[in-house]
Amino acid sequence: MLTSEFDYDLPAELIAQEPVARGQSRLFVVGGSEARRHRSVADLPELLEEGDLLVVNDTRVLPARLFGRLPTGGRVELLLVEREGPTEWVALVKPGRRARPGTTLSLSDRLTVTILAKLEDGRHRMAFSEAVEPHLAELGHVPLPPYIKRPDEPSDAERYQTIYASVDGAIAAPTAGLHFTPGLLDRIRRRGVRIEKVTLHVGIGTFKPVTAKLVHEHQMEEERFEIPEAVPAAVESTRRRGGRVVAVGTTVVRALEGAARPNGALDAGSGRTALFITPGYAFRIVDRLLTNFHLPRSTLLMLVAAFAGRELVLAAYAEAIEQRYRFYSYGDAMFLERG
């Protein structure tokens, strides 16, 4: 399958630069017997049924963007990718040419970081003078995606987190979850829908461009996940009752499907997944999907196309553009059933 088969043209003005209030985004219902296709996220409880299971991702985004100074005074930007020791991290560095091994950057009057080695894709291994986590609240910035063409603002520290985020570790938000309010979750529970949490720490690999001509030549990077003990039992109970497993976001899909056995059983525990879901994948766990709109040629768009069908999804994207939906992290959402 060609990567170009997942391309589409998006007017730049439809890329959401600011969020709307939680729970007020538009919702495009794709597939199924739903007569009202263009709805609101506030209508989500009406699309769920008693006995369904809603699974969310409780990862919390770190303020992982830092700015340092070279001994010469030049400015360098760091994006923390993954911790490798008490003070050692792998990070993206811009401009990378300034980050030669042995260079020490000043982040504040109390914190420095020394470049240890240059790795791939602009990444570097580095060692901080002490644990960086206690300094992030003061020095760190929200790592907004590059298609949001503005600096992060104080409001992003709250708005670029889900209301149930609790486990530090992501460098990007599981954006389908940004739509929920406490009231919306309460309405879903009153509908008779069970809500459970998994954790998948969104890493840089989720946003790595697919540059290969053929889809299968792309290599996904691993991301850390955890499936609590309650989730496999909840999935099994939902199946017995004839309910549906509804994933809030592609990260939940990857966590659940990555932990599933070939027979459809789900295992609790923690691990890492490099699962690359493309058309032809046989889904074992997830029946419905709430997700935002994704970039052209991205692994996320390929996952959604695998879930609901490439032609249906791309036709829905074309209609969403015509209807002036807002795209990407701070944009509107889709609700899809498995094709």
C-alpha atoms as a PDB file:
ATOM      1  CA  MET A   1       0.000   0.000   0.000  1.00  0.00           C
ATOM      2  CA  LEU A   2       1.339   3.420  -0.964  1.00  0.00           C
ATOM      3  CA  THR A   3       1.779   6.157   1.604  1.00  0.00           C
ATOM      4  CA  SER A   4       0.321   8.570  -0.942  1.00  0.00           C
ATOM      5  CA  GLU A   5      -3.029   6.764  -0.584  1.00  0.00           C
ATOM      6  CA  PHE A   6      -3.425   8.519   2.766  1.00  0.00           C
ATOM      7  CA  ASP A   7      -2.935  12.052   1.490  1.00  0.00           C
ATOM      8  CA  TYR A   8      -5.425  14.910   1.451  1.00  0.00           C
ATOM      9  CA  ASP A   9      -5.336  18.687   1.091  1.00  0.00           C
ATOM     10  CA  LEU A  10      -6.238  20.793   4.118  1.00  0.00           C
ATOM     11  CA  PRO A  11      -6.661  24.577   4.059  1.00  0.00           C
ATOM     12  CA  ALA A  12      -4.291  26.051   6.639  1.00  0.00           C
ATOM     13  CA  GLU A  13      -7.067  28.095   8.246  1.00  0.00           C
ATOM     14  CA  LEU A  14      -8.768  24.864   9.400  1.00  0.00           C
ATOM     15  CA  ILE A  15      -5.825  23.900  11.631  1.00  0.00           C
ATOM     16  CA  ALA A  16      -7.049  24.841  15.103  1.00  0.00           C
ATOM     17  CA  GLN A  17      -4.659  27.247  16.807  1.00  0.00           C
ATOM     18  CA  GLU A  18      -6.731  27.671  19.976  1.00  0.00           C
ATOM     19  CA  PRO A  19      -9.083  25.305  21.772  1.00  0.00           C
ATOM     20  CA  VAL A  20     -12.779  25.916  22.227  1.00  0.00           C
ATOM     21  CA  ALA A  21     -14.319  25.272  25.644  1.00  0.00           C
ATOM     22  CA  ARG A  22     -14.248  21.622  26.670  1.00  0.00           C
ATOM     23  CA  GLY A  23     -17.319  19.739  25.556  1.00  0.00           C
ATOM     24  CA  GLN A  24     -18.270  22.262  22.854  1.00  0.00           C
ATOM     25  CA  SER A  25     -16.361  20.894  19.858  1.00  0.00           C
ATOM     26  CA  ARG A  26     -18.195  19.527  16.868  1.00  0.00           C
ATOM     27  CA  LEU A  27     -18.532  15.766  16.412  1.00  0.00           C
ATOM     28  CA  PHE A  28     -18.717  14.058  13.018  1.00  0.00           C
ATOM     29  CA  VAL A  29     -20.468  10.680  13.339  1.00  0.00           C
ATOM     30  CA  VAL A  30     -19.157   8.369  10.607  1.00  0.00           C
ATOM     31  CA  GLY A  31     -20.755   5.054   9.654  1.00  0.00           C
ATOM     32  CA  GLY A  32     -23.546   3.101  11.297  1.00  0.00           C
ATOM     33  CA  SER A  33     -27.220   3.957  11.238  1.00  0.00           C
ATOM     34  CA  GLU A  34     -26.866   7.401  12.843  1.00  0.00           C
ATOM     35  CA  ALA A  35     -29.047   9.842  10.904  1.00  0.00           C
ATOM     36  CA  ARG A  36     -27.512  12.999  12.412  1.00  0.00           C
ATOM     37  CA  ARG A  37     -23.958  12.995  11.161  1.00  0.00           C
ATOM     38  CA  HIS A  38     -22.898  16.468  12.283  1.00  0.00           C
ATOM     39  CA  ARG A  39     -23.340  16.765  16.013  1.00  0.00           C
ATOM     40  CA  SER A  40     -21.564  18.065  19.124  1.00  0.00           C
ATOM     41  CA  VAL A  41     -19.243  16.297  21.547  1.00  0.00           C
ATOM     42  CA  ALA A  42     -21.919  17.080  24.128  1.00  0.00           C
ATOM     43  CA  ASP A  43     -24.110  14.531  22.292  1.00  0.00           C
ATOM     44  CA  LEU A  44     -21.659  11.680  22.929  1.00  0.00           C
ATOM     45  CA  PRO A  45     -23.751  10.056  25.712  1.00  0.00           C
ATOM     46  CA  GLU A  46     -26.598   9.614  23.197  1.00  0.00           C
ATOM     47  CA  LEU A  47     -24.255   7.599  20.956  1.00  0.00           C
ATOM     48  CA  LEU A  48     -23.350   5.183  23.751  1.00  0.00           C
ATOM     49  CA  GLU A  49     -25.518   2.408  25.140  1.00  0.00           C
ATOM     50  CA  GLU A  50     -26.027   0.823  28.524  1.00  0.00           C
ATOM     51  CA  GLY A  51     -23.426  -1.902  28.940  1.00  0.00           C
ATOM     52  CA  ASP A  52     -20.769  -0.184  26.829  1.00  0.00           C
ATOM     53  CA  LEU A  53     -17.220   0.298  28.118  1.00  0.00           C
ATOM     54  CA  LEU A  54     -15.459   3.631  27.540  1.00  0.00           C
ATOM     55  CA  VAL A  55     -11.658   3.454  27.861  1.00  0.00           C
ATOM     56  CA  VAL A  56      -9.568   6.617  28.290  1.00  0.00           C
ATOM     57  CA  ASN A  57      -5.832   7.310  28.477  1.00  0.00           C
ATOM     58  CA  ASP A  58      -4.720   8.890  31.766  1.00  0.00           C
ATOM     59  CA  THR A  59      -1.196   9.848  30.681  1.00  0.00           C
ATOM     60  CA  ARG A  60      -0.130  13.351  31.700  1.00  0.00           C
ATOM     61  CA  VAL A  61       1.869  15.632  29.419  1.00  0.00           C
ATOM     62  CA  LEU A  62       5.185  16.821  30.800  1.00  0.00           C
ATOM     63  CA  PRO A  63       6.206  20.465  30.243  1.00  0.00           C
ATOM     64  CA  ALA A  64       8.975  18.871  28.203  1.00  0.00           C
ATOM     65  CA  ARG A  65      10.204  21.830  26.116  1.00  0.00           C
ATOM     66  CA  LEU A  66      13.204  23.597  27.648  1.00  0.00           C
ATOM     67  CA  PHE A  67      15.435  26.446  26.514  1.00  0.00           C
ATOM     68  CA  GLY A  68      19.129  26.605  27.312  1.00  0.00           C
ATOM     69  CA  ARG A  69      22.095  28.850  26.674  1.00  0.00           C
ATOM     70  CA  LEU A  70      25.410  27.838  25.152  1.00  0.00           C
ATOM     71  CA  PRO A  71      28.663  29.122  26.654  1.00  0.00           C
ATOM     72  CA  THR A  72      28.748  31.506  23.665  1.00  0.00           C
ATOM     73  CA  GLY A  73      25.311  32.863  24.552  1.00  0.00           C
ATOM     74  CA  GLY A  74      23.397  31.140  21.744  1.00  0.00           C
ATOM     75  CA  ARG A  75      19.923  29.780  22.486  1.00  0.00           C
ATOM     76  CA  VAL A  76      19.114  26.064  22.154  1.00  0.00           C
ATOM     77  CA  GLU A  77      15.725  24.343  22.433  1.00  0.00           C
ATOM     78  CA  LEU A  78      15.355  20.883  23.975  1.00  0.00           C
ATOM     79  CA  LEU A  79      12.379  18.528  23.786  1.00  0.00           C
ATOM     80  CA  LEU A  80      12.668  15.748  26.352  1.00  0.00           C
ATOM     81  CA  VAL A  81      11.784  12.420  24.749  1.00  0.00           C
ATOM     82  CA  GLU A  82      12.530   9.726  27.319  1.00  0.00           C
ATOM     83  CA  ARG A  83      14.353   9.395  30.627  1.00  0.00           C
ATOM     84  CA  GLU A  84      17.175   6.838  30.651  1.00  0.00           C
ATOM     85  CA  GLY A  85      18.471   7.286  34.190  1.00  0.00           C
ATOM     86  CA  PRO A  86      18.143   9.481  37.284  1.00  0.00           C
ATOM     87  CA  THR A  87      19.582  12.469  35.411  1.00  0.00           C
ATOM     88  CA  GLU A  88      20.029  11.156  31.844  1.00  0.00           C
ATOM     89  CA  TRP A  89      17.547  11.804  29.045  1.00  0.00           C
ATOM     90  CA  VAL A  90      17.239  11.460  25.295  1.00  0.00           C
ATOM     91  CA  ALA A  91      16.008  14.716  23.777  1.00  0.00           C
ATOM     92  CA  LEU A  92      15.529  16.467  20.458  1.00  0.00           C
ATOM     93  CA  VAL A  93      17.765  19.514  20.077  1.00  0.00           C
ATOM     94  CA  LYS A  94      17.303  22.570  17.859  1.00  0.00           C
ATOM     95  CA  PRO A  95      19.565  23.627  16.275  1.00  0.00           C
ATOM     96  CA  GLY A  96      21.269  20.254  16.489  1.00  0.00           C
ATOM     97  CA  ARG A  97      24.546  21.506  15.042  1.00  0.00           C
ATOM     98  CA  ARG A  98      25.161  23.501  18.214  1.00  0.00           C
ATOM     99  CA  ALA A  99      24.808  20.476  20.478  1.00  0.00           C
ATOM    100  CA  ARG A 100      28.189  18.833  20.124  1.00  0.00           C
ATOM    101  CA  PRO A 101      29.100  16.103  22.612  1.00  0.00           C
ATOM    102  CA  GLY A 102      30.789  17.664  25.619  1.00  0.00           C
ATOM    103  CA  THR A 103      28.852  20.936  25.335  1.00  0.00           C
ATOM    104  CA  THR A 104      27.200  22.149  28.538  1.00  0.00           C
ATOM    105  CA  LEU A 105      24.046  24.255  28.353  1.00  0.00           C
ATOM    106  CA  SER A 106      22.800  26.521  31.114  1.00  0.00           C
ATOM    107  CA  LEU A 107      19.072  26.198  31.825  1.00  0.00           C
ATOM    108  CA  SER A 108      18.970  28.315  34.985  1.00  0.00           C
ATOM    109  CA  ASP A 109      21.309  29.451  37.716  1.00  0.00           C
ATOM    110  CA  ARG A 110      20.738  26.050  39.357  1.00  0.00           C
ATOM    111  CA  LEU A 111      20.525  23.624  36.444  1.00  0.00           C
ATOM    112  CA  THR A 112      22.796  22.693  33.542  1.00  0.00           C
ATOM    113  CA  VAL A 113      22.815  19.870  31.038  1.00  0.00           C
ATOM    114  CA  THR A 114      25.753  18.302  29.210  1.00  0.00           C
ATOM    115  CA  ILE A 115      25.452  16.691  25.781  1.00  0.00           C
ATOM    116  CA  LEU A 116      26.826  13.138  25.927  1.00  0.00           C
ATOM    117  CA  ALA A 117      26.242  11.775  22.424  1.00  0.00           C
ATOM    118  CA  LYS A 118      24.488  12.498  19.158  1.00  0.00           C
ATOM    119  CA  LEU A 119      21.947   9.865  18.149  1.00  0.00           C
ATOM    120  CA  GLU A 120      19.497   9.647  15.223  1.00  0.00           C
ATOM    121  CA  ASP A 121      16.773  11.998  13.975  1.00  0.00           C
ATOM    122  CA  GLY A 122      18.149  15.021  15.786  1.00  0.00           C
ATOM    123  CA  ARG A 123      18.222  13.232  19.132  1.00  0.00           C
ATOM    124  CA  HIS A 124      20.935  13.522  21.710  1.00  0.00           C
ATOM    125  CA  ARG A 125      21.701  11.742  24.938  1.00  0.00           C
ATOM    126  CA  MET A 126      22.352  14.205  27.745  1.00  0.00           C
ATOM    127  CA  ALA A 127      22.933  14.384  31.490  1.00  0.00           C
ATOM    128  CA  PHE A 128      21.431  17.076  33.727  1.00  0.00           C
ATOM    129  CA  SER A 129      23.358  18.358  36.724  1.00  0.00           C
ATOM    130  CA  GLU A 130      20.520  16.992  38.890  1.00  0.00           C
ATOM    131  CA  ALA A 131      17.095  15.433  38.338  1.00  0.00           C
ATOM    132  CA  VAL A 132      15.238  17.690  35.915  1.00  0.00           C
ATOM    133  CA  GLU A 133      11.673  16.809  36.939  1.00  0.00           C
ATOM    134  CA  PRO A 134      11.508  19.167  39.959  1.00  0.00           C
ATOM    135  CA  HIS A 135      12.536  22.035  37.664  1.00  0.00           C
ATOM    136  CA  LEU A 136       9.976  21.444  34.910  1.00  0.00           C
ATOM    137  CA  ALA A 137       7.153  23.386  36.536  1.00  0.00           C
ATOM    138  CA  GLU A 138       9.362  26.483  36.547  1.00  0.00           C
ATOM    139  CA  LEU A 139      11.444  26.024  33.393  1.00  0.00           C
ATOM    140  CA  GLY A 140       9.405  23.754  31.147  1.00  0.00           C
ATOM    141  CA  HIS A 141       6.999  24.758  28.403  1.00  0.00           C
ATOM    142  CA  VAL A 142       3.996  22.868  27.049  1.00  0.00           C
ATOM    143  CA  PRO A 143       5.205  20.949  23.948  1.00  0.00           C
ATOM    144  CA  LEU A 144       2.521  22.125  21.562  1.00  0.00           C
ATOM    145  CA  PRO A 145       2.686  20.455  18.133  1.00  0.00           C
ATOM    146  CA  PRO A 146       4.564  22.361  15.415  1.00  0.00           C
ATOM    147  CA  TYR A 147       1.393  23.011  13.410  1.00  0.00           C
ATOM    148  CA  ILE A 148       0.194  25.289  16.225  1.00  0.00           C
ATOM    149  CA  LYS A 149       1.960  28.429  15.081  1.00  0.00           C
ATOM    150  CA  ARG A 150       2.236  30.298  18.362  1.00  0.00           C
ATOM    151  CA  PRO A 151       4.202  30.033  21.597  1.00  0.00           C
ATOM    152  CA  ASP A 152       2.580  28.151  24.443  1.00  0.00           C
ATOM    153  CA  GLU A 153       0.531  30.270  26.827  1.00  0.00           C
ATOM    154  CA  PRO A 154      -0.230  29.776  30.546  1.00  0.00           C
ATOM    155  CA  SER A 155      -3.695  28.492  29.639  1.00  0.00           C
ATOM    156  CA  ASP A 156      -2.164  25.633  27.612  1.00  0.00           C
ATOM    157  CA  ALA A 157      -0.739  24.116  30.800  1.00  0.00           C
ATOM    158  CA  GLU A 158      -4.307  23.221  31.772  1.00  0.00           C
ATOM    159  CA  ARG A 159      -6.027  22.970  28.394  1.00  0.00           C
ATOM    160  CA  TYR A 160      -3.460  20.635  26.806  1.00  0.00           C
ATOM    161  CA  GLN A 161      -4.207  18.016  29.499  1.00  0.00           C
ATOM    162  CA  THR A 162      -7.197  15.762  29.858  1.00  0.00           C
ATOM    163  CA  ILE A 163      -9.191  16.327  33.060  1.00  0.00           C
ATOM    164  CA  TYR A 164      -8.278  12.799  34.207  1.00  0.00           C
ATOM    165  CA  ALA A 165      -4.538  13.006  33.410  1.00  0.00           C
ATOM    166  CA  SER A 166      -2.616  11.559  36.352  1.00  0.00           C
ATOM    167  CA  VAL A 167       0.458   9.595  35.199  1.00  0.00           C
ATOM    168  CA  ASP A 168       3.396  11.755  34.073  1.00  0.00           C
ATOM    169  CA  GLY A 169       5.212  10.643  30.962  1.00  0.00           C
ATOM    170  CA  ALA A 170       3.778  11.944  27.660  1.00  0.00           C
ATOM    171  CA  ILE A 171       5.256  14.594  25.393  1.00  0.00           C
ATOM    172  CA  ALA A 172       1.935  15.124  23.608  1.00  0.00           C
ATOM    173  CA  ALA A 173      -1.660  14.959  24.744  1.00  0.00           C
ATOM    174  CA  PRO A 174      -4.047  12.117  23.882  1.00  0.00           C
ATOM    175  CA  THR A 175      -6.145  14.738  22.176  1.00  0.00           C
ATOM    176  CA  ALA A 176      -9.481  12.921  21.866  1.00  0.00           C
ATOM    177  CA  GLY A 177      -9.671  13.117  25.643  1.00  0.00           C
ATOM    178  CA  LEU A 178      -9.356  16.911  25.687  1.00  0.00           C
ATOM    179  CA  HIS A 179     -13.068  17.203  24.907  1.00  0.00           C
ATOM    180  CA  PHE A 180     -14.329  15.741  28.185  1.00  0.00           C
ATOM    181  CA  THR A 181     -15.712  17.667  31.136  1.00  0.00           C
ATOM    182  CA  PRO A 182     -16.665  16.225  34.537  1.00  0.00           C
ATOM    183  CA  GLY A 183     -20.317  16.755  33.618  1.00  0.00           C
ATOM    184  CA  LEU A 184     -19.958  14.905  30.319  1.00  0.00           C
ATOM    185  CA  LEU A 185     -18.326  11.935  32.064  1.00  0.00           C
ATOM    186  CA  ASP A 186     -21.115  11.933  34.665  1.00  0.00           C
ATOM    187  CA  ARG A 187     -23.748  11.844  31.922  1.00  0.00           C
ATOM    188  CA  ILE A 188     -21.955   8.911  30.297  1.00  0.00           C
ATOM    189  CA  ARG A 189     -21.903   6.993  33.592  1.00  0.00           C
ATOM    190  CA  ARG A 190     -25.599   7.695  34.156  1.00  0.00           C
ATOM    191  CA  ARG A 191     -26.194   6.178  30.732  1.00  0.00           C
ATOM    192  CA  GLY A 192     -24.981   2.871  32.198  1.00  0.00           C
ATOM    193  CA  VAL A 193     -21.549   3.040  30.574  1.00  0.00           C
ATOM    194  CA  ARG A 194     -18.520   1.862  32.523  1.00  0.00           C
ATOM    195  CA  ILE A 195     -15.367   3.999  32.296  1.00  0.00           C
ATOM    196  CA  GLU A 196     -11.877   2.541  32.740  1.00  0.00           C
ATOM    197  CA  LYS A 197      -8.385   3.990  32.308  1.00  0.00           C
ATOM    198  CA  VAL A 198      -5.252   2.717  30.627  1.00  0.00           C
ATOM    199  CA  THR A 199      -1.944   4.527  30.224  1.00  0.00           C
ATOM    200  CA  LEU A 200       0.017   5.022  27.032  1.00  0.00           C
ATOM    201  CA  HIS A 201       2.730   7.662  27.160  1.00  0.00           C
ATOM    202  CA  VAL A 202       2.596   9.436  23.818  1.00  0.00           C
ATOM    203  CA  GLY A 203       6.112   9.646  22.427  1.00  0.00           C
ATOM    204  CA  ILE A 204       7.833  11.214  19.487  1.00  0.00           C
ATOM    205  CA  GLY A 205       7.165   8.150  17.346  1.00  0.00           C
ATOM    206  CA  THR A 206       3.444   8.891  17.163  1.00  0.00           C
ATOM    207  CA  PHE A 207       4.248  12.038  15.162  1.00  0.00           C
ATOM    208  CA  LYS A 208       7.194  10.730  13.175  1.00  0.00           C
ATOM    209  CA  PRO A 209       6.393  11.413   9.511  1.00  0.00           C
ATOM    210  CA  VAL A 210       5.913   8.434   7.222  1.00  0.00           C
ATOM    211  CA  THR A 211       8.575   9.155   4.624  1.00  0.00           C
ATOM    212  CA  ALA A 212       8.698   5.682   3.072  1.00  0.00           C
ATOM    213  CA  LYS A 213       6.977   5.279  -0.284  1.00  0.00           C
ATOM    214  CA  LEU A 214       5.379   2.028   0.868  1.00  0.00           C
ATOM    215  CA  VAL A 215       3.451   1.994   4.148  1.00  0.00           C
ATOM    216  CA  HIS A 216       4.902  -1.308   5.362  1.00  0.00           C
ATOM    217  CA  GLU A 217       8.439   0.087   5.150  1.00  0.00           C
ATOM    218  CA  HIS A 218       7.753   2.573   7.960  1.00  0.00           C
ATOM    219  CA  GLN A 219       9.098   1.581  11.374  1.00  0.00           C
ATOM    220  CA  MET A 220       7.013   2.590  14.391  1.00  0.00           C
ATOM    221  CA  GLU A 221       8.822   3.493  17.577  1.00  0.00           C
ATOM    222  CA  GLU A 222       7.971   1.934  20.900  1.00  0.00           C
ATOM    223  CA  GLU A 223       5.756   3.688  23.444  1.00  0.00           C
ATOM    224  CA  ARG A 224       5.255   2.671  27.072  1.00  0.00           C
ATOM    225  CA  PHE A 225       1.832   1.465  28.183  1.00  0.00           C
ATOM    226  CA  GLU A 226       0.105  -0.053  31.188  1.00  0.00           C
ATOM    227  CA  ILE A 227      -3.141  -2.002  31.368  1.00  0.00           C
ATOM    228  CA  PRO A 228      -4.524  -2.077  34.948  1.00  0.00           C
ATOM    229  CA  GLU A 229      -5.956  -5.331  36.307  1.00  0.00           C
ATOM    230  CA  ALA A 230      -9.524  -4.004  36.150  1.00  0.00           C
ATOM    231  CA  VAL A 231      -9.483  -3.454  32.377  1.00  0.00           C
ATOM    232  CA  PRO A 232      -9.328  -7.058  31.048  1.00  0.00           C
ATOM    233  CA  ALA A 233     -12.167  -8.012  33.400  1.00  0.00           C
ATOM    234  CA  ALA A 234     -14.172  -4.992  32.217  1.00  0.00           C
ATOM    235  CA  VAL A 235     -13.622  -5.933  28.561  1.00  0.00           C
ATOM    236  CA  GLU A 236     -14.687  -9.531  29.205  1.00  0.00           C
ATOM    237  CA  SER A 237     -17.774  -8.406  31.127  1.00  0.00           C
ATOM    238  CA  THR A 238     -18.703  -5.989  28.338  1.00  0.00           C
ATOM    239  CA  ARG A 239     -18.394  -8.732  25.745  1.00  0.00           C
ATOM    240  CA  ARG A 240     -20.627 -11.084  27.782  1.00  0.00           C
ATOM    241  CA  ARG A 241     -23.320  -8.407  28.026  1.00  0.00           C
ATOM    242  CA  GLY A 242     -23.189  -7.681  24.325  1.00  0.00           C
ATOM    243  CA  GLY A 243     -21.738  -4.223  24.937  1.00  0.00           C
ATOM    244  CA  ARG A 244     -19.150  -2.364  22.903  1.00  0.00           C
ATOM    245  CA  VAL A 245     -15.611  -1.315  23.804  1.00  0.00           C
ATOM    246  CA  VAL A 246     -15.252   2.375  22.935  1.00  0.00           C
ATOM    247  CA  ALA A 247     -11.717   3.779  22.745  1.00  0.00           C
ATOM    248  CA  VAL A 248     -11.112   7.461  23.412  1.00  0.00           C
ATOM    249  CA  GLY A 249      -8.303   8.123  20.980  1.00  0.00           C
ATOM    250  CA  THR A 250      -5.795   6.205  18.902  1.00  0.00           C
ATOM    251  CA  THR A 251      -3.486   5.858  21.916  1.00  0.00           C
ATOM    252  CA  VAL A 252      -6.098   3.757  23.705  1.00  0.00           C
ATOM    253  CA  VAL A 253      -6.479   1.634  20.562  1.00  0.00           C
ATOM    254  CA  ARG A 254      -2.740   0.988  20.460  1.00  0.00           C
ATOM    255  CA  ALA A 255      -2.586   0.167  24.178  1.00  0.00           C
ATOM    256  CA  LEU A 256      -5.508  -2.272  24.080  1.00  0.00           C
ATOM    257  CA  GLU A 257      -4.647  -3.887  20.768  1.00  0.00           C
ATOM    258  CA  GLY A 258      -0.956  -4.007  21.673  1.00  0.00           C
ATOM    259  CA  ALA A 259      -1.756  -5.988  24.820  1.00  0.00           C
ATOM    260  CA  ALA A 260      -4.283  -8.311  23.168  1.00  0.00           C
ATOM    261  CA  ARG A 261      -3.582 -11.957  22.469  1.00  0.00           C
ATOM    262  CA  PRO A 262      -4.390 -13.469  19.061  1.00  0.00           C
ATOM    263  CA  ASN A 263      -7.515 -15.083  20.562  1.00  0.00           C
ATOM    264  CA  GLY A 264      -8.838 -11.676  21.662  1.00  0.00           C
ATOM    265  CA  ALA A 265      -8.042 -12.028  25.351  1.00  0.00           C
ATOM    266  CA  LEU A 266      -6.537  -8.963  26.981  1.00  0.00           C
ATOM    267  CA  ASP A 267      -3.650  -9.123  29.441  1.00  0.00           C
ATOM    268  CA  ALA A 268      -3.037  -6.685  32.267  1.00  0.00           C
ATOM    269  CA  GLY A 269       0.463  -5.378  32.860  1.00  0.00           C
ATOM    270  CA  SER A 270       2.975  -2.911  31.509  1.00  0.00           C
ATOM    271  CA  GLY A 271       5.169  -3.006  28.461  1.00  0.00           C
ATOM    272  CA  ARG A 272       6.139  -1.262  25.271  1.00  0.00           C
ATOM    273  CA  THR A 273       4.370  -1.403  21.947  1.00  0.00           C
ATOM    274  CA  ALA A 274       5.533  -0.653  18.426  1.00  0.00           C
ATOM    275  CA  LEU A 275       2.251  -1.833  16.935  1.00  0.00           C
ATOM    276  CA  PHE A 276       1.646  -0.206  13.538  1.00  0.00           C
ATOM    277  CA  ILE A 277      -2.030  -0.515  12.638  1.00  0.00           C
ATOM    278  CA  THR A 278      -2.761  -0.216   8.922  1.00  0.00           C
ATOM    279  CA  PRO A 279      -5.638  -1.364   6.677  1.00  0.00           C
ATOM    280  CA  GLY A 280      -5.996  -5.119   6.877  1.00  0.00           C
ATOM    281  CA  TYR A 281      -5.335  -5.256  10.617  1.00  0.00           C
ATOM    282  CA  ALA A 282      -7.769  -7.527  12.501  1.00  0.00           C
ATOM    283  CA  PHE A 283      -8.987  -5.605  15.551  1.00  0.00           C
ATOM    284  CA  ARG A 284      -9.412  -7.776  18.632  1.00  0.00           C
ATOM    285  CA  ILE A 285     -10.697  -5.398  21.319  1.00  0.00           C
ATOM    286  CA  VAL A 286     -12.019  -2.028  20.115  1.00  0.00           C
ATOM    287  CA  ASP A 287     -15.490  -1.632  18.560  1.00  0.00           C
ATOM    288  CA  ARG A 288     -15.958   2.165  18.498  1.00  0.00           C
ATOM    289  CA  LEU A 289     -13.501   5.057  18.333  1.00  0.00           C
ATOM    290  CA  LEU A 290     -13.643   8.702  19.328  1.00  0.00           C
ATOM    291  CA  THR A 291     -10.743  10.539  17.704  1.00  0.00           C
ATOM    292  CA  ASN A 292      -9.671  13.927  16.396  1.00  0.00           C
ATOM    293  CA  PHE A 293      -8.699  14.584  12.782  1.00  0.00           C
ATOM    294  CA  HIS A 294      -5.140  13.591  11.870  1.00  0.00           C
ATOM    295  CA  LEU A 295      -2.379  14.772   9.563  1.00  0.00           C
ATOM    296  CA  PRO A 296      -2.065  13.497   5.988  1.00  0.00           C
ATOM    297  CA  ARG A 297       0.197  10.468   5.529  1.00  0.00           C
ATOM    298  CA  SER A 298       0.382   9.946   9.291  1.00  0.00           C
ATOM    299  CA  THR A 299       0.349   6.652  11.166  1.00  0.00           C
ATOM    300  CA  LEU A 300      -2.691   7.958  13.072  1.00  0.00           C
ATOM    301  CA  LEU A 301      -4.697   8.479   9.884  1.00  0.00           C
ATOM    302  CA  MET A 302      -3.656   5.001   8.759  1.00  0.00           C
ATOM    303  CA  LEU A 303      -4.937   3.553  12.046  1.00  0.00           C
ATOM    304  CA  VAL A 304      -8.308   5.288  11.631  1.00  0.00           C
ATOM    305  CA  ALA A 305      -8.483   4.089   8.018  1.00  0.00           C
ATOM    306  CA  ALA A 306      -7.782   0.544   9.198  1.00  0.00           C
ATOM    307  CA  PHE A 307     -10.562   0.855  11.749  1.00  0.00           C
ATOM    308  CA  ALA A 308     -13.370   2.238   9.599  1.00  0.00           C
ATOM    309  CA  GLY A 309     -12.165   1.808   6.007  1.00  0.00           C
ATOM    310  CA  ARG A 310      -9.848   4.039   3.990  1.00  0.00           C
ATOM    311  CA  GLU A 311     -12.420   5.192   1.431  1.00  0.00           C
ATOM    312  CA  LEU A 312     -15.025   6.002   4.087  1.00  0.00           C
ATOM    313  CA  VAL A 313     -12.540   7.901   6.242  1.00  0.00           C
ATOM    314  CA  LEU A 314     -11.076   9.963   3.401  1.00  0.00           C
ATOM    315  CA  ALA A 315     -14.571  10.786   2.163  1.00  0.00           C
ATOM    316  CA  ALA A 316     -15.473  11.900   5.684  1.00  0.00           C
ATOM    317  CA  TYR A 317     -12.357  14.060   5.826  1.00  0.00           C
ATOM    318  CA  ALA A 318     -13.351  15.707   2.540  1.00  0.00           C
ATOM    319  CA  GLU A 319     -16.822  16.389   3.948  1.00  0.00           C
ATOM    320  CA  ALA A 320     -15.359  17.705   7.195  1.00  0.00           C
ATOM    321  CA  ILE A 321     -13.236  20.168   5.218  1.00  0.00           C
ATOM    322  CA  GLU A 322     -16.304  21.252   3.250  1.00  0.00           C
ATOM    323  CA  GLN A 323     -18.209  21.692   6.527  1.00  0.00           C
ATOM    324  CA  ARG A 324     -15.325  23.726   8.013  1.00  0.00           C
ATOM    325  CA  TYR A 325     -14.477  21.415  10.883  1.00  0.00           C
ATOM    326  CA  ARG A 326     -11.416  22.353  12.949  1.00  0.00           C
ATOM    327  CA  PHE A 327      -8.499  19.941  12.584  1.00  0.00           C
ATOM    328  CA  TYR A 328      -5.777  18.372  14.745  1.00  0.00           C
ATOM    329  CA  SER A 329      -4.966  18.608  18.455  1.00  0.00           C
ATOM    330  CA  TYR A 330      -7.219  21.518  19.460  1.00  0.00           C
ATOM    331  CA  GLY A 331      -9.812  20.699  16.818  1.00  0.00           C
ATOM    332  CA  ASP A 332     -13.072  18.780  16.467  1.00  0.00           C
ATOM    333  CA  ALA A 333     -13.703  15.054  16.735  1.00  0.00           C
ATOM    334  CA  MET A 334     -15.064  12.028  14.887  1.00  0.00           C
ATOM    335  CA  PHE A 335     -16.992   9.043  16.241  1.00  0.00           C
ATOM    336  CA  LEU A 336     -16.525   5.870  14.194  1.00  0.00           C
ATOM    337  CA  GLU A 337     -17.617   2.263  14.330  1.00  0.00           C
ATOM    338  CA  ARG A 338     -15.379  -0.560  13.234  1.00  0.00           C
ATOM    339  CA  GLY A 339     -15.697  -1.331   9.533  1.00  0.00           C
END
